[in-house]
Amino acid sequence: MPQDPIGRLVERLARLPGVGEKTAQRLAFHLLRAEPAYARELAQAILDVKDRIRLCSVCCNLTEADPCAFCVDARRDARIICVVAHPPDLMAIERTGFRGRYHVLHGVLSPLDGIGPDDLRIPELLRRLDGEDAAGEVILATSPNVEGEATALYLAKLVKPMGVRTTRIATGVPIGGELEYADQITLARALESRREM
């Protein structure tokens, strides 16, 4: 039996990450009450993203123009490459005011999920580090979880022999956090990553 348009919309919205059945229903009814032009604009925006966004041939970030705006910005320090797992991680680093370049792996090593080195954008990174215009530092900015740490260690073993300074983002107690509520591993990392004042 064919599903009605509202039911079909709810079902498809519920497939989005973080969207459950109730949120999907609220979104569907919001779209139903909205002006038809809004629904058309939303549909067109989704189609445009699917049709026009691709990977930057340099840093592997998602972009419409190739190379992307980060790679062609002459004001950025090309000697520093910040390696992140996913495009949202790049945007988080960018909000800090970082002025170097980026490289997006599109994942992290996760043997349990069947994700190995060949599934990541590692060869593109190594090509960027081999040559006259190679970067002087690679900042490994993967998340401080098991997969992120494994990925950072793997990359460090590949990059260090190339003579490129390899650093890791510090981890520890968040600003505004209370020490008594921090877990043992977070506190240990905070102590290891301490710096001169």
C-alpha atoms as a PDB file:
ATOM      1  CA  MET A   1       0.000   0.000   0.000  1.00  0.00           C
ATOM      2  CA  PRO A   2       1.557   3.366  -1.022  1.00  0.00           C
ATOM      3  CA  GLN A   3       2.395   5.779   1.771  1.00  0.00           C
ATOM      4  CA  ASP A   4       0.785   9.233   1.849  1.00  0.00           C
ATOM      5  CA  PRO A   5       3.083  12.241   1.136  1.00  0.00           C
ATOM      6  CA  ILE A   6       3.253  13.305   4.801  1.00  0.00           C
ATOM      7  CA  GLY A   7       4.107   9.791   5.965  1.00  0.00           C
ATOM      8  CA  ARG A   8       6.752   9.482   3.249  1.00  0.00           C
ATOM      9  CA  LEU A   9       8.286  12.831   4.256  1.00  0.00           C
ATOM     10  CA  VAL A  10       8.320  11.872   7.956  1.00  0.00           C
ATOM     11  CA  GLU A  11       9.942   8.540   7.122  1.00  0.00           C
ATOM     12  CA  ARG A  12      12.701  10.209   5.073  1.00  0.00           C
ATOM     13  CA  LEU A  13      13.329  12.974   7.621  1.00  0.00           C
ATOM     14  CA  ALA A  14      13.601  10.355  10.381  1.00  0.00           C
ATOM     15  CA  ARG A  15      16.551   8.807   8.483  1.00  0.00           C
ATOM     16  CA  LEU A  16      18.620  11.949   9.145  1.00  0.00           C
ATOM     17  CA  PRO A  17      21.183  11.539  11.953  1.00  0.00           C
ATOM     18  CA  GLY A  18      19.868  12.763  15.296  1.00  0.00           C
ATOM     19  CA  VAL A  19      16.289  13.050  14.021  1.00  0.00           C
ATOM     20  CA  GLY A  20      13.784  10.728  15.630  1.00  0.00           C
ATOM     21  CA  GLU A  21      10.173  10.048  14.696  1.00  0.00           C
ATOM     22  CA  LYS A  22       8.714  12.956  16.718  1.00  0.00           C
ATOM     23  CA  THR A  23      11.239  15.495  15.418  1.00  0.00           C
ATOM     24  CA  ALA A  24      10.627  14.239  11.885  1.00  0.00           C
ATOM     25  CA  GLN A  25       6.889  14.795  12.371  1.00  0.00           C
ATOM     26  CA  ARG A  26       7.463  18.343  13.686  1.00  0.00           C
ATOM     27  CA  LEU A  27       9.715  19.126  10.716  1.00  0.00           C
ATOM     28  CA  ALA A  28       7.210  17.665   8.255  1.00  0.00           C
ATOM     29  CA  PHE A  29       4.337  19.728   9.642  1.00  0.00           C
ATOM     30  CA  HIS A  30       6.535  22.827   9.733  1.00  0.00           C
ATOM     31  CA  LEU A  31       7.264  22.342   6.035  1.00  0.00           C
ATOM     32  CA  LEU A  32       3.581  21.754   5.353  1.00  0.00           C
ATOM     33  CA  ARG A  33       2.671  25.093   7.015  1.00  0.00           C
ATOM     34  CA  ALA A  34       5.534  26.984   5.329  1.00  0.00           C
ATOM     35  CA  GLU A  35       5.198  28.932   2.108  1.00  0.00           C
ATOM     36  CA  PRO A  36       5.597  26.763  -1.011  1.00  0.00           C
ATOM     37  CA  ALA A  37       8.598  28.898  -2.035  1.00  0.00           C
ATOM     38  CA  TYR A  38      10.413  27.894   1.177  1.00  0.00           C
ATOM     39  CA  ALA A  39       9.891  24.185   0.475  1.00  0.00           C
ATOM     40  CA  ARG A  40      11.147  24.625  -3.096  1.00  0.00           C
ATOM     41  CA  GLU A  41      14.219  26.559  -1.875  1.00  0.00           C
ATOM     42  CA  LEU A  42      14.991  23.845   0.683  1.00  0.00           C
ATOM     43  CA  ALA A  43      14.619  21.107  -1.920  1.00  0.00           C
ATOM     44  CA  GLN A  44      16.832  23.044  -4.352  1.00  0.00           C
ATOM     45  CA  ALA A  45      19.487  23.618  -1.658  1.00  0.00           C
ATOM     46  CA  ILE A  46      19.603  19.865  -0.998  1.00  0.00           C
ATOM     47  CA  LEU A  47      19.912  19.110  -4.717  1.00  0.00           C
ATOM     48  CA  ASP A  48      22.632  21.769  -5.140  1.00  0.00           C
ATOM     49  CA  VAL A  49      24.692  20.243  -2.334  1.00  0.00           C
ATOM     50  CA  LYS A  50      24.424  16.800  -3.896  1.00  0.00           C
ATOM     51  CA  ASP A  51      25.179  18.044  -7.435  1.00  0.00           C
ATOM     52  CA  ARG A  52      27.839  20.723  -6.881  1.00  0.00           C
ATOM     53  CA  ILE A  53      29.883  19.815  -3.809  1.00  0.00           C
ATOM     54  CA  ARG A  54      33.012  17.715  -4.323  1.00  0.00           C
ATOM     55  CA  LEU A  55      36.374  17.106  -2.652  1.00  0.00           C
ATOM     56  CA  CYS A  56      39.121  19.711  -2.921  1.00  0.00           C
ATOM     57  CA  SER A  57      41.964  18.173  -4.935  1.00  0.00           C
ATOM     58  CA  VAL A  58      44.484  19.559  -2.414  1.00  0.00           C
ATOM     59  CA  CYS A  59      43.083  19.213   1.113  1.00  0.00           C
ATOM     60  CA  CYS A  60      40.093  16.886   0.505  1.00  0.00           C
ATOM     61  CA  ASN A  61      37.646  19.296   2.158  1.00  0.00           C
ATOM     62  CA  LEU A  62      34.146  19.582   0.741  1.00  0.00           C
ATOM     63  CA  THR A  63      33.949  22.465  -1.712  1.00  0.00           C
ATOM     64  CA  GLU A  64      32.201  23.853  -4.745  1.00  0.00           C
ATOM     65  CA  ALA A  65      35.367  25.464  -6.168  1.00  0.00           C
ATOM     66  CA  ASP A  66      38.517  23.397  -6.658  1.00  0.00           C
ATOM     67  CA  PRO A  67      40.913  24.096  -5.033  1.00  0.00           C
ATOM     68  CA  CYS A  68      38.879  25.303  -2.047  1.00  0.00           C
ATOM     69  CA  ALA A  69      38.957  28.756  -0.471  1.00  0.00           C
ATOM     70  CA  PHE A  70      41.294  27.591   2.317  1.00  0.00           C
ATOM     71  CA  CYS A  71      43.869  26.246  -0.143  1.00  0.00           C
ATOM     72  CA  VAL A  72      43.954  29.348  -2.356  1.00  0.00           C
ATOM     73  CA  ASP A  73      44.039  31.890   0.502  1.00  0.00           C
ATOM     74  CA  ALA A  74      47.547  33.391   0.298  1.00  0.00           C
ATOM     75  CA  ARG A  75      47.169  34.822   3.824  1.00  0.00           C
ATOM     76  CA  ARG A  76      47.250  31.316   5.296  1.00  0.00           C
ATOM     77  CA  ASP A  77      50.519  29.750   6.415  1.00  0.00           C
ATOM     78  CA  ALA A  78      51.132  26.914   3.932  1.00  0.00           C
ATOM     79  CA  ARG A  79      53.923  25.576   6.162  1.00  0.00           C
ATOM     80  CA  ILE A  80      51.397  24.325   8.752  1.00  0.00           C
ATOM     81  CA  ILE A  81      48.827  21.636   7.925  1.00  0.00           C
ATOM     82  CA  CYS A  82      46.153  20.749  10.463  1.00  0.00           C
ATOM     83  CA  VAL A  83      44.874  17.201   9.879  1.00  0.00           C
ATOM     84  CA  VAL A  84      41.263  16.556  10.881  1.00  0.00           C
ATOM     85  CA  ALA A  85      38.991  13.544  10.532  1.00  0.00           C
ATOM     86  CA  HIS A  86      35.888  15.202   9.069  1.00  0.00           C
ATOM     87  CA  PRO A  87      34.790  18.541   7.534  1.00  0.00           C
ATOM     88  CA  PRO A  88      32.864  19.583  10.700  1.00  0.00           C
ATOM     89  CA  ASP A  89      36.153  19.205  12.626  1.00  0.00           C
ATOM     90  CA  LEU A  90      37.765  21.626  10.158  1.00  0.00           C
ATOM     91  CA  MET A  91      35.010  24.152  10.845  1.00  0.00           C
ATOM     92  CA  ALA A  92      35.534  23.771  14.616  1.00  0.00           C
ATOM     93  CA  ILE A  93      39.283  24.448  14.239  1.00  0.00           C
ATOM     94  CA  GLU A  94      38.568  27.362  11.897  1.00  0.00           C
ATOM     95  CA  ARG A  95      36.432  29.041  14.586  1.00  0.00           C
ATOM     96  CA  THR A  96      39.565  29.260  16.772  1.00  0.00           C
ATOM     97  CA  GLY A  97      41.224  31.631  14.303  1.00  0.00           C
ATOM     98  CA  PHE A  98      43.746  29.053  13.030  1.00  0.00           C
ATOM     99  CA  ARG A  99      45.521  30.497   9.970  1.00  0.00           C
ATOM    100  CA  GLY A 100      47.315  27.471   8.531  1.00  0.00           C
ATOM    101  CA  ARG A 101      46.085  24.989   5.933  1.00  0.00           C
ATOM    102  CA  TYR A 102      44.021  21.839   6.419  1.00  0.00           C
ATOM    103  CA  HIS A 103      43.809  18.219   5.383  1.00  0.00           C
ATOM    104  CA  VAL A 104      40.601  16.188   5.830  1.00  0.00           C
ATOM    105  CA  LEU A 105      40.936  12.410   6.203  1.00  0.00           C
ATOM    106  CA  HIS A 106      37.196  11.634   5.903  1.00  0.00           C
ATOM    107  CA  GLY A 107      37.297   9.202   8.784  1.00  0.00           C
ATOM    108  CA  VAL A 108      39.535   7.592  11.371  1.00  0.00           C
ATOM    109  CA  LEU A 109      41.066   4.155  11.682  1.00  0.00           C
ATOM    110  CA  SER A 110      38.510   1.753  13.116  1.00  0.00           C
ATOM    111  CA  PRO A 111      39.331  -1.924  12.527  1.00  0.00           C
ATOM    112  CA  LEU A 112      36.100  -3.025  14.239  1.00  0.00           C
ATOM    113  CA  ASP A 113      34.142  -1.068  11.628  1.00  0.00           C
ATOM    114  CA  GLY A 114      36.366  -2.272   8.790  1.00  0.00           C
ATOM    115  CA  ILE A 115      38.015   1.145   8.266  1.00  0.00           C
ATOM    116  CA  GLY A 116      41.721   0.867   7.544  1.00  0.00           C
ATOM    117  CA  PRO A 117      44.386   3.219   6.154  1.00  0.00           C
ATOM    118  CA  ASP A 118      43.266   2.610   2.561  1.00  0.00           C
ATOM    119  CA  ASP A 119      39.829   4.025   3.405  1.00  0.00           C
ATOM    120  CA  LEU A 120      41.222   7.429   4.466  1.00  0.00           C
ATOM    121  CA  ARG A 121      42.748  10.316   2.499  1.00  0.00           C
ATOM    122  CA  ILE A 122      46.259   9.502   3.721  1.00  0.00           C
ATOM    123  CA  PRO A 123      48.010   9.203   0.312  1.00  0.00           C
ATOM    124  CA  GLU A 124      46.886  12.745  -0.556  1.00  0.00           C
ATOM    125  CA  LEU A 125      48.404  14.015   2.704  1.00  0.00           C
ATOM    126  CA  LEU A 126      51.707  12.236   2.101  1.00  0.00           C
ATOM    127  CA  ARG A 127      51.900  13.687  -1.431  1.00  0.00           C
ATOM    128  CA  ARG A 128      51.490  17.169   0.055  1.00  0.00           C
ATOM    129  CA  LEU A 129      54.424  16.534   2.401  1.00  0.00           C
ATOM    130  CA  ASP A 130      56.758  15.253  -0.295  1.00  0.00           C
ATOM    131  CA  GLY A 131      58.396  17.955  -2.385  1.00  0.00           C
ATOM    132  CA  GLU A 132      59.914  21.400  -2.399  1.00  0.00           C
ATOM    133  CA  ASP A 133      56.859  23.213  -1.069  1.00  0.00           C
ATOM    134  CA  ALA A 134      56.263  20.682   1.714  1.00  0.00           C
ATOM    135  CA  ALA A 135      54.852  21.848   5.030  1.00  0.00           C
ATOM    136  CA  GLY A 136      57.144  22.237   8.023  1.00  0.00           C
ATOM    137  CA  GLU A 137      54.584  21.076  10.584  1.00  0.00           C
ATOM    138  CA  VAL A 138      51.633  18.720  10.678  1.00  0.00           C
ATOM    139  CA  ILE A 139      49.171  19.175  13.535  1.00  0.00           C
ATOM    140  CA  LEU A 140      47.244  15.969  14.211  1.00  0.00           C
ATOM    141  CA  ALA A 141      43.808  17.174  15.339  1.00  0.00           C
ATOM    142  CA  THR A 142      41.796  13.977  15.514  1.00  0.00           C
ATOM    143  CA  SER A 143      39.444  13.471  18.461  1.00  0.00           C
ATOM    144  CA  PRO A 144      41.009  12.157  21.691  1.00  0.00           C
ATOM    145  CA  ASN A 145      39.143   8.843  21.590  1.00  0.00           C
ATOM    146  CA  VAL A 146      40.487   5.369  20.793  1.00  0.00           C
ATOM    147  CA  GLU A 147      40.050   5.690  17.016  1.00  0.00           C
ATOM    148  CA  GLY A 148      41.357   9.272  16.908  1.00  0.00           C
ATOM    149  CA  GLU A 149      44.414   8.366  18.947  1.00  0.00           C
ATOM    150  CA  ALA A 150      45.132   5.303  16.795  1.00  0.00           C
ATOM    151  CA  THR A 151      44.854   7.457  13.662  1.00  0.00           C
ATOM    152  CA  ALA A 152      47.163  10.126  15.101  1.00  0.00           C
ATOM    153  CA  LEU A 153      49.780   7.527  16.077  1.00  0.00           C
ATOM    154  CA  TYR A 154      49.600   5.880  12.659  1.00  0.00           C
ATOM    155  CA  LEU A 155      50.021   9.231  10.876  1.00  0.00           C
ATOM    156  CA  ALA A 156      52.887  10.259  13.151  1.00  0.00           C
ATOM    157  CA  LYS A 157      54.759   7.077  12.206  1.00  0.00           C
ATOM    158  CA  LEU A 158      54.330   7.940   8.520  1.00  0.00           C
ATOM    159  CA  VAL A 159      55.057  11.668   8.729  1.00  0.00           C
ATOM    160  CA  LYS A 160      57.992  11.892  11.168  1.00  0.00           C
ATOM    161  CA  PRO A 161      60.454   9.991   8.925  1.00  0.00           C
ATOM    162  CA  MET A 162      59.733  12.582   6.220  1.00  0.00           C
ATOM    163  CA  GLY A 163      61.438  15.200   8.416  1.00  0.00           C
ATOM    164  CA  VAL A 164      58.207  17.093   9.086  1.00  0.00           C
ATOM    165  CA  ARG A 165      57.551  18.353  12.624  1.00  0.00           C
ATOM    166  CA  THR A 166      54.565  16.364  13.903  1.00  0.00           C
ATOM    167  CA  THR A 167      52.455  17.706  16.777  1.00  0.00           C
ATOM    168  CA  ARG A 168      49.242  16.602  18.470  1.00  0.00           C
ATOM    169  CA  ILE A 169      46.530  18.846  19.848  1.00  0.00           C
ATOM    170  CA  ALA A 170      46.537  19.000  23.640  1.00  0.00           C
ATOM    171  CA  THR A 171      43.728  17.445  25.625  1.00  0.00           C
ATOM    172  CA  GLY A 172      42.602  17.962  29.176  1.00  0.00           C
ATOM    173  CA  VAL A 173      40.126  19.715  31.420  1.00  0.00           C
ATOM    174  CA  PRO A 174      37.734  22.002  29.525  1.00  0.00           C
ATOM    175  CA  ILE A 175      37.500  25.695  30.401  1.00  0.00           C
ATOM    176  CA  GLY A 176      34.769  26.075  32.989  1.00  0.00           C
ATOM    177  CA  GLY A 177      35.051  22.415  34.017  1.00  0.00           C
ATOM    178  CA  GLU A 178      35.403  21.241  37.608  1.00  0.00           C
ATOM    179  CA  LEU A 179      38.378  19.007  38.450  1.00  0.00           C
ATOM    180  CA  GLU A 180      36.358  16.828  40.803  1.00  0.00           C
ATOM    181  CA  TYR A 181      34.084  15.787  37.906  1.00  0.00           C
ATOM    182  CA  ALA A 182      36.857  15.102  35.384  1.00  0.00           C
ATOM    183  CA  ASP A 183      37.673  11.464  34.691  1.00  0.00           C
ATOM    184  CA  GLN A 184      41.085   9.960  35.438  1.00  0.00           C
ATOM    185  CA  ILE A 185      42.244   9.829  31.802  1.00  0.00           C
ATOM    186  CA  THR A 186      41.281  13.480  31.159  1.00  0.00           C
ATOM    187  CA  LEU A 187      43.167  14.625  34.263  1.00  0.00           C
ATOM    188  CA  ALA A 188      46.210  12.527  33.326  1.00  0.00           C
ATOM    189  CA  ARG A 189      46.215  14.090  29.837  1.00  0.00           C
ATOM    190  CA  ALA A 190      45.874  17.569  31.331  1.00  0.00           C
ATOM    191  CA  LEU A 191      48.928  16.938  33.507  1.00  0.00           C
ATOM    192  CA  GLU A 192      50.938  15.547  30.583  1.00  0.00           C
ATOM    193  CA  SER A 193      50.028  18.519  28.376  1.00  0.00           C
ATOM    194  CA  ARG A 194      50.902  21.176  30.956  1.00  0.00           C
ATOM    195  CA  ARG A 195      52.889  24.223  29.789  1.00  0.00           C
ATOM    196  CA  GLU A 196      55.025  27.024  31.233  1.00  0.00           C
ATOM    197  CA  MET A 197      53.242  30.110  32.495  1.00  0.00           C
END
